[in-house]
Amino acid sequence: MEELERITSEKYIPEPGAVYTILRRMDERGIVTSEWEKKETGADRRVYTITEAGVKILKEGLEMVKRRRQLMDGLVQFYDEHFAQEKEGGDT
């Protein structure tokens, strides 16, 4: 949970229950594995590790996100080139 908050600059703070539900489903599908880490002090905790299959799925998903981002960047550039100046200059 702390890592999710850190990598999103605290702009995405999911509900813990939602995260753990997703992690359990990913464990069931072989995307991650989990095991209990025994602590000498404090509560034990479950540690999740991504599997080889999970890495493959992650890479495929990130490639799709990159393609969508390129598409969106292209649309923003088109807008900026064709419409942004009209709005700034008051032309319609």
C-alpha atoms as a PDB file:
ATOM      1  CA  MET A   1       0.000   0.000   0.000  1.00  0.00           C
ATOM      2  CA  GLU A   2       2.809   2.412   0.872  1.00  0.00           C
ATOM      3  CA  GLU A   3       4.563   1.645  -2.407  1.00  0.00           C
ATOM      4  CA  LEU A   4       1.384   2.371  -4.413  1.00  0.00           C
ATOM      5  CA  GLU A   5       1.059   5.710  -2.678  1.00  0.00           C
ATOM      6  CA  ARG A   6       4.737   6.511  -3.253  1.00  0.00           C
ATOM      7  CA  ILE A   7       4.877   5.677  -6.969  1.00  0.00           C
ATOM      8  CA  THR A   8       1.695   7.636  -7.661  1.00  0.00           C
ATOM      9  CA  SER A   9       2.871  10.676  -5.641  1.00  0.00           C
ATOM     10  CA  GLU A  10      -0.049   9.997  -3.277  1.00  0.00           C
ATOM     11  CA  LYS A  11      -2.546  10.737  -6.063  1.00  0.00           C
ATOM     12  CA  TYR A  12      -3.919   7.188  -5.969  1.00  0.00           C
ATOM     13  CA  ILE A  13      -4.664   5.776  -2.555  1.00  0.00           C
ATOM     14  CA  PRO A  14      -6.787   2.659  -3.005  1.00  0.00           C
ATOM     15  CA  GLU A  15      -8.884   1.059  -0.323  1.00  0.00           C
ATOM     16  CA  PRO A  16      -6.884  -1.745   1.330  1.00  0.00           C
ATOM     17  CA  GLY A  17      -9.758  -4.201   0.929  1.00  0.00           C
ATOM     18  CA  ALA A  18      -9.817  -3.628  -2.825  1.00  0.00           C
ATOM     19  CA  VAL A  19      -6.064  -4.150  -3.151  1.00  0.00           C
ATOM     20  CA  TYR A  20      -6.082  -7.368  -1.160  1.00  0.00           C
ATOM     21  CA  THR A  21      -9.064  -8.709  -3.123  1.00  0.00           C
ATOM     22  CA  ILE A  22      -7.154  -8.084  -6.353  1.00  0.00           C
ATOM     23  CA  LEU A  23      -3.999  -9.676  -4.947  1.00  0.00           C
ATOM     24  CA  ARG A  24      -5.938 -12.801  -3.880  1.00  0.00           C
ATOM     25  CA  ARG A  25      -7.414 -13.103  -7.377  1.00  0.00           C
ATOM     26  CA  MET A  26      -3.970 -12.636  -8.927  1.00  0.00           C
ATOM     27  CA  ASP A  27      -2.638 -15.358  -6.602  1.00  0.00           C
ATOM     28  CA  GLU A  28      -5.437 -17.715  -7.684  1.00  0.00           C
ATOM     29  CA  ARG A  29      -4.559 -17.075 -11.343  1.00  0.00           C
ATOM     30  CA  GLY A  30      -0.812 -17.600 -10.868  1.00  0.00           C
ATOM     31  CA  ILE A  31       0.144 -13.993 -11.536  1.00  0.00           C
ATOM     32  CA  VAL A  32       1.659 -13.632  -8.065  1.00  0.00           C
ATOM     33  CA  THR A  33       2.550 -16.007  -5.272  1.00  0.00           C
ATOM     34  CA  SER A  34       2.146 -15.253  -1.615  1.00  0.00           C
ATOM     35  CA  GLU A  35       3.471 -16.481   1.687  1.00  0.00           C
ATOM     36  CA  TRP A  36       3.253 -15.417   5.267  1.00  0.00           C
ATOM     37  CA  GLU A  37       6.242 -13.632   6.735  1.00  0.00           C
ATOM     38  CA  LYS A  38       6.583 -14.302  10.442  1.00  0.00           C
ATOM     39  CA  LYS A  39       7.547 -11.282  12.491  1.00  0.00           C
ATOM     40  CA  GLU A  40       9.230 -11.439  15.889  1.00  0.00           C
ATOM     41  CA  THR A  41       7.369  -8.317  16.922  1.00  0.00           C
ATOM     42  CA  GLY A  42       4.128  -7.059  15.479  1.00  0.00           C
ATOM     43  CA  ALA A  43       1.690  -8.833  13.227  1.00  0.00           C
ATOM     44  CA  ASP A  44       2.734 -11.367  10.619  1.00  0.00           C
ATOM     45  CA  ARG A  45       2.218 -10.189   7.070  1.00  0.00           C
ATOM     46  CA  ARG A  46       1.552 -11.724   3.689  1.00  0.00           C
ATOM     47  CA  VAL A  47       4.262 -11.025   1.103  1.00  0.00           C
ATOM     48  CA  TYR A  48       3.420 -11.154  -2.604  1.00  0.00           C
ATOM     49  CA  THR A  49       5.903 -11.942  -5.366  1.00  0.00           C
ATOM     50  CA  ILE A  50       5.210 -11.587  -9.078  1.00  0.00           C
ATOM     51  CA  THR A  51       5.592 -14.794 -11.100  1.00  0.00           C
ATOM     52  CA  GLU A  52       7.113 -15.227 -14.544  1.00  0.00           C
ATOM     53  CA  ALA A  53       3.582 -15.351 -15.982  1.00  0.00           C
ATOM     54  CA  GLY A  54       2.792 -12.170 -14.064  1.00  0.00           C
ATOM     55  CA  VAL A  55       5.812 -10.395 -15.532  1.00  0.00           C
ATOM     56  CA  LYS A  56       4.650 -11.375 -19.024  1.00  0.00           C
ATOM     57  CA  ILE A  57       1.149 -10.039 -18.350  1.00  0.00           C
ATOM     58  CA  LEU A  58       2.604  -6.850 -16.853  1.00  0.00           C
ATOM     59  CA  LYS A  59       4.803  -6.245 -19.892  1.00  0.00           C
ATOM     60  CA  GLU A  60       1.908  -6.812 -22.294  1.00  0.00           C
ATOM     61  CA  GLY A  61      -0.330  -4.485 -20.297  1.00  0.00           C
ATOM     62  CA  LEU A  62       2.294  -1.760 -20.159  1.00  0.00           C
ATOM     63  CA  GLU A  63       2.865  -1.977 -23.904  1.00  0.00           C
ATOM     64  CA  MET A  64      -0.863  -1.441 -24.403  1.00  0.00           C
ATOM     65  CA  VAL A  65      -0.768   1.569 -22.052  1.00  0.00           C
ATOM     66  CA  LYS A  66       2.192   2.998 -23.988  1.00  0.00           C
ATOM     67  CA  ARG A  67       0.301   2.669 -27.283  1.00  0.00           C
ATOM     68  CA  ARG A  68      -2.742   4.381 -25.797  1.00  0.00           C
ATOM     69  CA  ARG A  69      -0.548   7.140 -24.400  1.00  0.00           C
ATOM     70  CA  GLN A  70       1.005   7.710 -27.842  1.00  0.00           C
ATOM     71  CA  LEU A  71      -2.490   7.943 -29.314  1.00  0.00           C
ATOM     72  CA  MET A  72      -3.560  10.460 -26.671  1.00  0.00           C
ATOM     73  CA  ASP A  73      -0.359  12.479 -27.131  1.00  0.00           C
ATOM     74  CA  GLY A  74      -1.080  12.606 -30.857  1.00  0.00           C
ATOM     75  CA  LEU A  75      -4.637  13.786 -30.251  1.00  0.00           C
ATOM     76  CA  VAL A  76      -3.448  16.503 -27.851  1.00  0.00           C
ATOM     77  CA  GLN A  77      -0.830  17.640 -30.359  1.00  0.00           C
ATOM     78  CA  PHE A  78      -3.467  17.779 -33.124  1.00  0.00           C
ATOM     79  CA  TYR A  79      -5.741  19.822 -30.865  1.00  0.00           C
ATOM     80  CA  ASP A  80      -2.919  22.189 -29.924  1.00  0.00           C
ATOM     81  CA  GLU A  81      -1.949  22.698 -33.571  1.00  0.00           C
ATOM     82  CA  HIS A  82      -5.477  23.189 -34.911  1.00  0.00           C
ATOM     83  CA  PHE A  83      -7.681  24.535 -32.160  1.00  0.00           C
ATOM     84  CA  ALA A  84      -5.720  25.877 -29.173  1.00  0.00           C
ATOM     85  CA  GLN A  85      -4.684  29.114 -30.916  1.00  0.00           C
ATOM     86  CA  GLU A  86      -8.253  29.774 -32.019  1.00  0.00           C
ATOM     87  CA  LYS A  87      -9.439  29.602 -28.420  1.00  0.00           C
ATOM     88  CA  GLU A  88      -6.597  31.794 -27.163  1.00  0.00           C
ATOM     89  CA  GLY A  89      -7.134  34.389 -29.871  1.00  0.00           C
ATOM     90  CA  GLY A  90     -10.899  34.477 -29.442  1.00  0.00           C
ATOM     91  CA  ASP A  91     -11.569  33.136 -32.953  1.00  0.00           C
ATOM     92  CA  THR A  92     -14.413  30.649 -33.341  1.00  0.00           C
END
